[in-house]
Amino acid sequence: MGQLCFLFAILLVLVHVKAVRHIEAKYECGKACRNKHKGEEEASDCYRRMCSGL
């Protein structure tokens, strides 16, 4: 039973790390779009094209 709890805890940590990396990747992509494009509409288009697949 203790091994099952240990494996479940490891699984939770791995899922959390993956989620955090996903959020960071989307944030960095959005930041790059905002830096590259001055207009809000251009930045939004860039975000939709480049960041939606992350």
PDB file of N, CA and C in Angstrom:
ATOM      1  N   MET A   1       0.828  -1.201   0.000  1.00  0.00           N
ATOM      2  CA  MET A   1       0.000   0.000   0.000  1.00  0.00           C
ATOM      3  C   MET A   1       0.864   1.253   0.000  1.00  0.00           C
ATOM      4  N   GLY A   2       1.969   1.224   0.741  1.00  0.00           N
ATOM      5  CA  GLY A   2       2.865   2.379   0.789  1.00  0.00           C
ATOM      6  C   GLY A   2       3.510   2.650  -0.555  1.00  0.00           C
ATOM      7  N   GLN A   3       3.804   1.588  -1.311  1.00  0.00           N
ATOM      8  CA  GLN A   3       4.396   1.767  -2.637  1.00  0.00           C
ATOM      9  C   GLN A   3       3.408   2.431  -3.585  1.00  0.00           C
ATOM     10  N   LEU A   4       2.138   2.081  -3.468  1.00  0.00           N
ATOM     11  CA  LEU A   4       1.110   2.670  -4.312  1.00  0.00           C
ATOM     12  C   LEU A   4       0.988   4.166  -4.040  1.00  0.00           C
ATOM     13  N   CYS A   5       0.996   4.556  -2.779  1.00  0.00           N
ATOM     14  CA  CYS A   5       0.938   5.978  -2.424  1.00  0.00           C
ATOM     15  C   CYS A   5       2.172   6.719  -2.944  1.00  0.00           C
ATOM     16  N   PHE A   6       3.322   6.089  -2.832  1.00  0.00           N
ATOM     17  CA  PHE A   6       4.562   6.691  -3.312  1.00  0.00           C
ATOM     18  C   PHE A   6       4.506   6.913  -4.827  1.00  0.00           C
ATOM     19  N   LEU A   7       4.045   5.910  -5.570  1.00  0.00           N
ATOM     20  CA  LEU A   7       3.935   6.037  -7.019  1.00  0.00           C
ATOM     21  C   LEU A   7       2.918   7.111  -7.402  1.00  0.00           C
ATOM     22  N   PHE A   8       1.822   7.187  -6.678  1.00  0.00           N
ATOM     23  CA  PHE A   8       0.810   8.209  -6.934  1.00  0.00           C
ATOM     24  C   PHE A   8       1.379   9.601  -6.683  1.00  0.00           C
ATOM     25  N   ALA A   9       2.171   9.751  -5.628  1.00  0.00           N
ATOM     26  CA  ALA A   9       2.793  11.039  -5.325  1.00  0.00           C
ATOM     27  C   ALA A   9       3.769  11.449  -6.431  1.00  0.00           C
ATOM     28  N   ILE A  10       4.541  10.510  -6.926  1.00  0.00           N
ATOM     29  CA  ILE A  10       5.475  10.800  -8.023  1.00  0.00           C
ATOM     30  C   ILE A  10       4.697  11.212  -9.278  1.00  0.00           C
ATOM     31  N   LEU A  11       3.613  10.508  -9.562  1.00  0.00           N
ATOM     32  CA  LEU A  11       2.780  10.840 -10.715  1.00  0.00           C
ATOM     33  C   LEU A  11       2.224  12.260 -10.602  1.00  0.00           C
ATOM     34  N   LEU A  12       1.767  12.638  -9.418  1.00  0.00           N
ATOM     35  CA  LEU A  12       1.256  13.996  -9.211  1.00  0.00           C
ATOM     36  C   LEU A  12       2.337  15.045  -9.451  1.00  0.00           C
ATOM     37  N   VAL A  13       3.534  14.784  -8.974  1.00  0.00           N
ATOM     38  CA  VAL A  13       4.645  15.722  -9.175  1.00  0.00           C
ATOM     39  C   VAL A  13       4.954  15.862 -10.661  1.00  0.00           C
ATOM     40  N   LEU A  14       4.998  14.761 -11.385  1.00  0.00           N
ATOM     41  CA  LEU A  14       5.299  14.811 -12.820  1.00  0.00           C
ATOM     42  C   LEU A  14       4.230  15.580 -13.593  1.00  0.00           C
ATOM     43  N   VAL A  15       2.971  15.357 -13.262  1.00  0.00           N
ATOM     44  CA  VAL A  15       1.880  16.081 -13.920  1.00  0.00           C
ATOM     45  C   VAL A  15       1.978  17.570 -13.613  1.00  0.00           C
ATOM     46  N   HIS A  16       2.296  17.916 -12.378  1.00  0.00           N
ATOM     47  CA  HIS A  16       2.428  19.319 -11.989  1.00  0.00           C
ATOM     48  C   HIS A  16       3.570  19.993 -12.755  1.00  0.00           C
ATOM     49  N   VAL A  17       4.723  19.329 -12.847  1.00  0.00           N
ATOM     50  CA  VAL A  17       5.874  19.889 -13.554  1.00  0.00           C
ATOM     51  C   VAL A  17       5.540  20.110 -15.028  1.00  0.00           C
ATOM     52  N   LYS A  18       4.855  19.140 -15.628  1.00  0.00           N
ATOM     53  CA  LYS A  18       4.470  19.265 -17.037  1.00  0.00           C
ATOM     54  C   LYS A  18       3.518  20.445 -17.224  1.00  0.00           C
ATOM     55  N   ALA A  19       2.575  20.622 -16.325  1.00  0.00           N
ATOM     56  CA  ALA A  19       1.628  21.732 -16.426  1.00  0.00           C
ATOM     57  C   ALA A  19       2.339  23.072 -16.279  1.00  0.00           C
ATOM     58  N   VAL A  20       3.269  23.167 -15.355  1.00  0.00           N
ATOM     59  CA  VAL A  20       4.008  24.415 -15.148  1.00  0.00           C
ATOM     60  C   VAL A  20       4.838  24.757 -16.382  1.00  0.00           C
ATOM     61  N   ARG A  21       5.493  23.765 -16.965  1.00  0.00           N
ATOM     62  CA  ARG A  21       6.288  24.007 -18.176  1.00  0.00           C
ATOM     63  C   ARG A  21       5.405  24.450 -19.324  1.00  0.00           C
ATOM     64  N   HIS A  22       4.211  23.879 -19.432  1.00  0.00           N
ATOM     65  CA  HIS A  22       3.264  24.253 -20.481  1.00  0.00           C
ATOM     66  C   HIS A  22       2.857  25.724 -20.328  1.00  0.00           C
ATOM     67  N   ILE A  23       2.554  26.127 -19.111  1.00  0.00           N
ATOM     68  CA  ILE A  23       2.167  27.512 -18.843  1.00  0.00           C
ATOM     69  C   ILE A  23       3.327  28.453 -19.146  1.00  0.00           C
ATOM     70  N   GLU A  24       4.530  28.083 -18.733  1.00  0.00           N
ATOM     71  CA  GLU A  24       5.708  28.917 -19.004  1.00  0.00           C
ATOM     72  C   GLU A  24       5.953  29.058 -20.503  1.00  0.00           C
ATOM     73  N   ALA A  25       5.784  27.985 -21.253  1.00  0.00           N
ATOM     74  CA  ALA A  25       5.998  28.026 -22.700  1.00  0.00           C
ATOM     75  C   ALA A  25       4.993  28.958 -23.369  1.00  0.00           C
ATOM     76  N   LYS A  26       3.725  28.891 -22.953  1.00  0.00           N
ATOM     77  CA  LYS A  26       2.713  29.777 -23.526  1.00  0.00           C
ATOM     78  C   LYS A  26       3.013  31.235 -23.163  1.00  0.00           C
ATOM     79  N   TYR A  27       3.464  31.485 -21.947  1.00  0.00           N
ATOM     80  CA  TYR A  27       3.800  32.842 -21.516  1.00  0.00           C
ATOM     81  C   TYR A  27       4.956  33.394 -22.336  1.00  0.00           C
ATOM     82  N   GLU A  28       6.000  32.602 -22.510  1.00  0.00           N
ATOM     83  CA  GLU A  28       7.170  33.049 -23.284  1.00  0.00           C
ATOM     84  C   GLU A  28       6.800  33.295 -24.740  1.00  0.00           C
ATOM     85  N   CYS A  29       5.975  32.451 -25.301  1.00  0.00           N
ATOM     86  CA  CYS A  29       5.532  32.628 -26.681  1.00  0.00           C
ATOM     87  C   CYS A  29       4.734  33.929 -26.811  1.00  0.00           C
ATOM     88  N   GLY A  30       3.833  34.164 -25.888  1.00  0.00           N
ATOM     89  CA  GLY A  30       3.045  35.403 -25.901  1.00  0.00           C
ATOM     90  C   GLY A  30       3.917  36.632 -25.734  1.00  0.00           C
ATOM     91  N   LYS A  31       4.909  36.530 -24.877  1.00  0.00           N
ATOM     92  CA  LYS A  31       5.833  37.647 -24.669  1.00  0.00           C
ATOM     93  C   LYS A  31       6.610  37.937 -25.955  1.00  0.00           C
ATOM     94  N   ALA A  32       7.043  36.894 -26.645  1.00  0.00           N
ATOM     95  CA  ALA A  32       7.764  37.077 -27.907  1.00  0.00           C
ATOM     96  C   ALA A  32       6.862  37.744 -28.946  1.00  0.00           C
ATOM     97  N   CYS A  33       5.599  37.355 -28.998  1.00  0.00           N
ATOM     98  CA  CYS A  33       4.664  37.983 -29.943  1.00  0.00           C
ATOM     99  C   CYS A  33       4.467  39.458 -29.613  1.00  0.00           C
ATOM    100  N   ARG A  34       4.342  39.782 -28.344  1.00  0.00           N
ATOM    101  CA  ARG A  34       4.149  41.182 -27.954  1.00  0.00           C
ATOM    102  C   ARG A  34       5.388  42.015 -28.268  1.00  0.00           C
ATOM    103  N   ASN A  35       6.564  41.435 -28.120  1.00  0.00           N
ATOM    104  CA  ASN A  35       7.797  42.162 -28.421  1.00  0.00           C
ATOM    105  C   ASN A  35       7.986  42.352 -29.921  1.00  0.00           C
ATOM    106  N   LYS A  36       7.578  41.361 -30.688  1.00  0.00           N
ATOM    107  CA  LYS A  36       7.787  41.397 -32.138  1.00  0.00           C
ATOM    108  C   LYS A  36       6.788  42.323 -32.835  1.00  0.00           C
ATOM    109  N   HIS A  37       5.544  42.323 -32.363  1.00  0.00           N
ATOM    110  CA  HIS A  37       4.477  43.093 -33.013  1.00  0.00           C
ATOM    111  C   HIS A  37       4.040  44.226 -32.091  1.00  0.00           C
ATOM    112  N   LYS A  38       4.018  45.422 -32.634  1.00  0.00           N
ATOM    113  CA  LYS A  38       3.673  46.593 -31.817  1.00  0.00           C
ATOM    114  C   LYS A  38       2.169  46.708 -31.596  1.00  0.00           C
ATOM    115  N   GLY A  39       1.374  46.406 -32.626  1.00  0.00           N
ATOM    116  CA  GLY A  39      -0.077  46.543 -32.493  1.00  0.00           C
ATOM    117  C   GLY A  39      -0.700  45.388 -31.742  1.00  0.00           C
ATOM    118  N   GLU A  40      -1.784  45.659 -31.029  1.00  0.00           N
ATOM    119  CA  GLU A  40      -2.480  44.632 -30.243  1.00  0.00           C
ATOM    120  C   GLU A  40      -3.070  43.557 -31.154  1.00  0.00           C
ATOM    121  N   GLU A  41      -3.630  43.979 -32.285  1.00  0.00           N
ATOM    122  CA  GLU A  41      -4.248  43.023 -33.200  1.00  0.00           C
ATOM    123  C   GLU A  41      -3.193  42.101 -33.816  1.00  0.00           C
ATOM    124  N   GLU A  42      -2.046  42.657 -34.206  1.00  0.00           N
ATOM    125  CA  GLU A  42      -0.968  41.841 -34.772  1.00  0.00           C
ATOM    126  C   GLU A  42      -0.441  40.851 -33.740  1.00  0.00           C
ATOM    127  N   ALA A  43      -0.289  41.312 -32.507  1.00  0.00           N
ATOM    128  CA  ALA A  43       0.191  40.433 -31.436  1.00  0.00           C
ATOM    129  C   ALA A  43      -0.813  39.307 -31.175  1.00  0.00           C
ATOM    130  N   SER A  44      -2.098  39.625 -31.230  1.00  0.00           N
ATOM    131  CA  SER A  44      -3.131  38.607 -31.022  1.00  0.00           C
ATOM    132  C   SER A  44      -3.104  37.567 -32.129  1.00  0.00           C
ATOM    133  N   ASP A  45      -2.939  38.031 -33.376  1.00  0.00           N
ATOM    134  CA  ASP A  45      -2.842  37.088 -34.493  1.00  0.00           C
ATOM    135  C   ASP A  45      -1.631  36.179 -34.336  1.00  0.00           C
ATOM    136  N   CYS A  46      -0.503  36.765 -33.964  1.00  0.00           N
ATOM    137  CA  CYS A  46       0.726  36.001 -33.741  1.00  0.00           C
ATOM    138  C   CYS A  46       0.488  34.945 -32.658  1.00  0.00           C
ATOM    139  N   TYR A  47      -0.150  35.350 -31.569  1.00  0.00           N
ATOM    140  CA  TYR A  47      -0.401  34.424 -30.460  1.00  0.00           C
ATOM    141  C   TYR A  47      -1.280  33.263 -30.911  1.00  0.00           C
ATOM    142  N   ARG A  48      -2.344  33.583 -31.653  1.00  0.00           N
ATOM    143  CA  ARG A  48      -3.240  32.525 -32.132  1.00  0.00           C
ATOM    144  C   ARG A  48      -2.507  31.552 -33.049  1.00  0.00           C
ATOM    145  N   ARG A  49      -1.679  32.083 -33.947  1.00  0.00           N
ATOM    146  CA  ARG A  49      -0.971  31.223 -34.902  1.00  0.00           C
ATOM    147  C   ARG A  49       0.143  30.421 -34.239  1.00  0.00           C
ATOM    148  N   MET A  50       0.961  31.093 -33.431  1.00  0.00           N
ATOM    149  CA  MET A  50       2.189  30.472 -32.934  1.00  0.00           C
ATOM    150  C   MET A  50       2.022  29.741 -31.602  1.00  0.00           C
ATOM    151  N   CYS A  51       1.163  30.228 -30.745  1.00  0.00           N
ATOM    152  CA  CYS A  51       1.123  29.721 -29.367  1.00  0.00           C
ATOM    153  C   CYS A  51      -0.034  28.770 -29.083  1.00  0.00           C
ATOM    154  N   SER A  52      -1.024  28.721 -29.959  1.00  0.00           N
ATOM    155  CA  SER A  52      -2.200  27.902 -29.653  1.00  0.00           C
ATOM    156  C   SER A  52      -1.880  26.413 -29.654  1.00  0.00           C
ATOM    157  N   GLY A  53      -0.860  25.996 -30.396  1.00  0.00           N
ATOM    158  CA  GLY A  53      -0.517  24.579 -30.457  1.00  0.00           C
ATOM    159  C   GLY A  53       0.341  24.089 -29.308  1.00  0.00           C
ATOM    160  N   LEU A  54       0.763  24.986 -28.430  1.00  0.00           N
ATOM    161  CA  LEU A  54       1.638  24.577 -27.324  1.00  0.00           C
ATOM    162  C   LEU A  54       0.875  23.836 -26.256  1.00  0.00           C
TER     163      LEU A  54
END
